[in-house]
Amino acid sequence: MANINRLDEIFRERKITNRVIAKYVNRSEGTVSIWRNNKRQPSMDELYKIAELLRVDIRSLLNSSSWSESSAPTYEEFKKKTGKGG
């Protein structure tokens, strides 16, 4: 699974604990740990609350999604390959 969020990096830099985040978003510390380790992702609402609490742009909590180096097909390439039309 891809590393989608940057929570671990940001929490370490700012000395943020799972316990405080868990209380703020009303989840268990274990759930926050799972998010932090990119095993699952917080919902958009939860991510928004974390960004609000930390006073950061929500985008800073996520890894960049620049696809210039991606080997995955584009939508058009995939559509042609599958022979599925409009």
N, C-alpha and C. Protein backbone atom coordinates (compact mmCIF):
# COMPACT_ATOMS: atom_id res chain seq x y z
N MET A 1 0.84 -1.19 0.00
CA MET A 1 0.00 0.00 0.00
C MET A 1 0.88 1.25 0.00
N ALA A 2 0.44 2.22 -0.71
CA ALA A 2 1.19 3.48 -0.81
C ALA A 2 1.09 4.29 0.48
N ASN A 3 2.12 5.06 0.72
CA ASN A 3 2.08 6.00 1.83
C ASN A 3 1.30 7.22 1.37
N ILE A 4 0.06 7.29 1.77
CA ILE A 4 -0.83 8.36 1.33
C ILE A 4 -0.69 9.59 2.22
N ASN A 5 -0.63 9.36 3.53
CA ASN A 5 -0.56 10.52 4.43
C ASN A 5 0.84 10.71 5.00
N ARG A 6 1.03 11.88 5.56
CA ARG A 6 2.31 12.27 6.17
C ARG A 6 2.17 12.44 7.69
N LEU A 7 1.16 11.80 8.27
CA LEU A 7 0.88 12.03 9.69
C LEU A 7 2.08 11.69 10.58
N ASP A 8 2.72 10.56 10.34
CA ASP A 8 3.84 10.18 11.20
C ASP A 8 4.93 11.24 11.17
N GLU A 9 5.29 11.66 9.99
CA GLU A 9 6.34 12.68 9.84
C GLU A 9 5.96 13.98 10.56
N ILE A 10 4.75 14.43 10.36
CA ILE A 10 4.30 15.68 10.98
C ILE A 10 4.17 15.55 12.49
N PHE A 11 3.61 14.43 12.94
CA PHE A 11 3.47 14.23 14.39
C PHE A 11 4.84 14.18 15.06
N ARG A 12 5.81 13.50 14.43
CA ARG A 12 7.16 13.44 15.02
C ARG A 12 7.79 14.83 15.07
N GLU A 13 7.70 15.57 13.95
CA GLU A 13 8.27 16.92 13.90
C GLU A 13 7.70 17.83 14.98
N ARG A 14 6.40 17.73 15.20
CA ARG A 14 5.71 18.64 16.13
C ARG A 14 5.50 18.05 17.52
N LYS A 15 6.00 16.83 17.72
CA LYS A 15 5.86 16.14 19.01
C LYS A 15 4.37 15.98 19.38
N ILE A 16 3.59 15.55 18.40
CA ILE A 16 2.15 15.33 18.57
C ILE A 16 1.95 13.89 19.02
N THR A 17 1.09 13.68 20.00
CA THR A 17 0.84 12.32 20.47
C THR A 17 -0.46 11.78 19.89
N ASN A 18 -0.47 10.47 19.72
CA ASN A 18 -1.68 9.80 19.24
C ASN A 18 -2.84 10.03 20.20
N ARG A 19 -2.54 10.08 21.48
CA ARG A 19 -3.58 10.22 22.50
C ARG A 19 -4.37 11.52 22.32
N VAL A 20 -3.67 12.62 22.11
CA VAL A 20 -4.36 13.91 21.96
C VAL A 20 -5.19 13.92 20.68
N ILE A 21 -4.61 13.44 19.58
CA ILE A 21 -5.34 13.39 18.32
C ILE A 21 -6.57 12.49 18.47
N ALA A 22 -6.40 11.34 19.09
CA ALA A 22 -7.50 10.40 19.28
C ALA A 22 -8.66 11.04 20.05
N LYS A 23 -8.33 11.74 21.11
CA LYS A 23 -9.38 12.41 21.88
C LYS A 23 -10.09 13.47 21.05
N TYR A 24 -9.34 14.22 20.26
CA TYR A 24 -9.92 15.31 19.48
C TYR A 24 -10.86 14.80 18.39
N VAL A 25 -10.49 13.69 17.75
CA VAL A 25 -11.33 13.16 16.66
C VAL A 25 -12.24 12.03 17.12
N ASN A 26 -12.24 11.77 18.42
CA ASN A 26 -13.11 10.76 19.03
C ASN A 26 -12.88 9.36 18.45
N ARG A 27 -11.61 8.98 18.39
CA ARG A 27 -11.21 7.65 17.94
C ARG A 27 -10.22 7.08 18.96
N SER A 28 -9.90 5.81 18.82
CA SER A 28 -8.95 5.19 19.75
C SER A 28 -7.52 5.55 19.35
N GLU A 29 -6.62 5.43 20.30
CA GLU A 29 -5.20 5.64 20.00
C GLU A 29 -4.72 4.63 18.97
N GLY A 30 -5.27 3.42 19.03
CA GLY A 30 -4.90 2.38 18.07
C GLY A 30 -5.28 2.78 16.64
N THR A 31 -6.44 3.39 16.50
CA THR A 31 -6.88 3.85 15.17
C THR A 31 -5.94 4.93 14.65
N VAL A 32 -5.56 5.86 15.50
CA VAL A 32 -4.64 6.92 15.08
C VAL A 32 -3.29 6.31 14.70
N SER A 33 -2.85 5.31 15.43
CA SER A 33 -1.60 4.62 15.10
C SER A 33 -1.69 3.96 13.72
N ILE A 34 -2.82 3.36 13.41
CA ILE A 34 -3.02 2.73 12.10
C ILE A 34 -2.96 3.79 11.00
N TRP A 35 -3.56 4.94 11.23
CA TRP A 35 -3.49 6.04 10.26
C TRP A 35 -2.05 6.48 10.09
N ARG A 36 -1.40 6.65 11.22
CA ARG A 36 -0.03 7.16 11.23
C ARG A 36 0.91 6.25 10.46
N ASN A 37 0.64 4.96 10.49
CA ASN A 37 1.47 3.97 9.80
C ASN A 37 0.97 3.65 8.40
N ASN A 38 -0.01 4.42 7.91
CA ASN A 38 -0.55 4.27 6.56
C ASN A 38 -1.15 2.89 6.29
N LYS A 39 -1.64 2.25 7.34
CA LYS A 39 -2.32 0.96 7.15
C LYS A 39 -3.78 1.19 6.77
N ARG A 40 -4.32 2.30 7.22
CA ARG A 40 -5.64 2.80 6.82
C ARG A 40 -5.55 4.30 6.81
N GLN A 41 -6.56 4.92 6.21
CA GLN A 41 -6.55 6.38 6.12
C GLN A 41 -7.72 6.96 6.90
N PRO A 42 -7.49 8.12 7.51
CA PRO A 42 -8.62 8.80 8.16
C PRO A 42 -9.60 9.28 7.09
N SER A 43 -10.84 9.45 7.50
CA SER A 43 -11.83 10.02 6.57
C SER A 43 -11.46 11.47 6.29
N MET A 44 -12.08 12.04 5.30
CA MET A 44 -11.82 13.45 4.99
C MET A 44 -12.21 14.33 6.19
N ASP A 45 -13.30 14.00 6.84
CA ASP A 45 -13.72 14.77 8.03
C ASP A 45 -12.67 14.69 9.13
N GLU A 46 -12.15 13.50 9.37
CA GLU A 46 -11.13 13.32 10.41
C GLU A 46 -9.84 14.05 10.03
N LEU A 47 -9.46 13.95 8.78
CA LEU A 47 -8.26 14.65 8.31
C LEU A 47 -8.44 16.16 8.45
N TYR A 48 -9.62 16.64 8.14
CA TYR A 48 -9.93 18.07 8.28
C TYR A 48 -9.80 18.50 9.75
N LYS A 49 -10.33 17.68 10.66
CA LYS A 49 -10.24 18.01 12.09
C LYS A 49 -8.79 18.05 12.56
N ILE A 50 -7.98 17.10 12.09
CA ILE A 50 -6.56 17.08 12.46
C ILE A 50 -5.87 18.34 11.95
N ALA A 51 -6.14 18.68 10.69
CA ALA A 51 -5.54 19.89 10.11
C ALA A 51 -5.97 21.13 10.89
N GLU A 52 -7.24 21.17 11.28
CA GLU A 52 -7.76 22.30 12.04
C GLU A 52 -7.05 22.40 13.40
N LEU A 53 -6.92 21.28 14.08
CA LEU A 53 -6.27 21.26 15.39
C LEU A 53 -4.82 21.72 15.29
N LEU A 54 -4.13 21.26 14.25
CA LEU A 54 -2.71 21.61 14.08
C LEU A 54 -2.51 22.94 13.37
N ARG A 55 -3.63 23.52 12.88
CA ARG A 55 -3.58 24.80 12.15
C ARG A 55 -2.66 24.72 10.95
N VAL A 56 -2.87 23.65 10.15
CA VAL A 56 -2.10 23.47 8.91
C VAL A 56 -3.08 23.28 7.75
N ASP A 57 -2.58 23.52 6.55
CA ASP A 57 -3.36 23.25 5.35
C ASP A 57 -3.54 21.73 5.26
N ILE A 58 -4.74 21.29 5.02
CA ILE A 58 -5.02 19.85 4.98
C ILE A 58 -4.13 19.12 3.98
N ARG A 59 -3.75 19.81 2.91
CA ARG A 59 -2.89 19.20 1.89
C ARG A 59 -1.52 18.84 2.43
N SER A 60 -1.07 19.54 3.46
CA SER A 60 0.25 19.24 4.03
C SER A 60 0.26 17.91 4.77
N LEU A 61 -0.92 17.38 5.07
CA LEU A 61 -1.01 16.09 5.76
C LEU A 61 -0.94 14.91 4.79
N LEU A 62 -0.94 15.22 3.49
CA LEU A 62 -0.94 14.19 2.46
C LEU A 62 0.33 14.26 1.63
N ASN A 63 0.76 13.12 1.12
CA ASN A 63 1.88 13.10 0.19
C ASN A 63 1.42 13.66 -1.15
N SER A 64 2.33 14.27 -1.85
CA SER A 64 2.05 14.85 -3.16
C SER A 64 1.53 13.79 -4.12
N SER A 65 0.65 14.19 -4.99
CA SER A 65 0.11 13.24 -5.97
C SER A 65 0.49 13.65 -7.40
N SER A 66 1.74 14.00 -7.58
CA SER A 66 2.23 14.30 -8.93
C SER A 66 2.37 12.98 -9.68
N TRP A 67 1.70 12.87 -10.79
CA TRP A 67 1.66 11.60 -11.52
C TRP A 67 2.61 11.56 -12.71
N SER A 68 3.51 12.53 -12.83
CA SER A 68 4.39 12.61 -14.00
C SER A 68 5.27 11.37 -14.15
N GLU A 69 5.62 10.71 -13.09
CA GLU A 69 6.49 9.53 -13.14
C GLU A 69 5.72 8.22 -13.05
N SER A 70 4.39 8.28 -13.04
CA SER A 70 3.57 7.09 -12.87
C SER A 70 3.59 6.21 -14.11
N SER A 71 3.67 4.90 -13.88
CA SER A 71 3.61 3.95 -14.99
C SER A 71 2.19 3.43 -15.21
N ALA A 72 1.26 3.86 -14.38
CA ALA A 72 -0.14 3.45 -14.53
C ALA A 72 -0.72 4.08 -15.79
N PRO A 73 -1.64 3.38 -16.44
CA PRO A 73 -2.24 3.97 -17.64
C PRO A 73 -3.12 5.16 -17.29
N THR A 74 -3.27 6.05 -18.26
CA THR A 74 -4.23 7.15 -18.09
C THR A 74 -5.63 6.59 -18.31
N TYR A 75 -6.62 7.38 -18.01
CA TYR A 75 -8.01 6.96 -18.23
C TYR A 75 -8.23 6.57 -19.69
N GLU A 76 -7.77 7.42 -20.60
CA GLU A 76 -7.96 7.16 -22.03
C GLU A 76 -7.25 5.88 -22.46
N GLU A 77 -6.02 5.67 -22.00
CA GLU A 77 -5.28 4.45 -22.35
C GLU A 77 -6.01 3.21 -21.83
N PHE A 78 -6.49 3.30 -20.61
CA PHE A 78 -7.17 2.16 -20.02
C PHE A 78 -8.49 1.88 -20.73
N LYS A 79 -9.20 2.92 -21.08
CA LYS A 79 -10.48 2.78 -21.80
C LYS A 79 -10.26 2.07 -23.14
N LYS A 80 -9.21 2.47 -23.87
CA LYS A 80 -8.90 1.83 -25.16
C LYS A 80 -8.54 0.36 -24.96
N LYS A 81 -7.74 0.09 -23.92
CA LYS A 81 -7.28 -1.26 -23.65
C LYS A 81 -8.44 -2.19 -23.33
N THR A 82 -9.41 -1.69 -22.60
CA THR A 82 -10.55 -2.52 -22.20
C THR A 82 -11.64 -2.57 -23.25
N GLY A 83 -11.53 -1.69 -24.25
CA GLY A 83 -12.53 -1.67 -25.31
C GLY A 83 -13.88 -1.17 -24.86
N LYS A 84 -13.91 -0.50 -23.73
CA LYS A 84 -15.17 0.04 -23.20
C LYS A 84 -15.36 1.46 -23.69
N GLY A 85 -16.47 1.71 -24.28
CA GLY A 85 -16.77 3.06 -24.76
C GLY A 85 -17.55 3.85 -23.74
N GLY A 86 -17.85 5.08 -24.11
CA GLY A 86 -18.56 6.07 -23.36
C GLY A 86 -19.53 5.63 -22.38
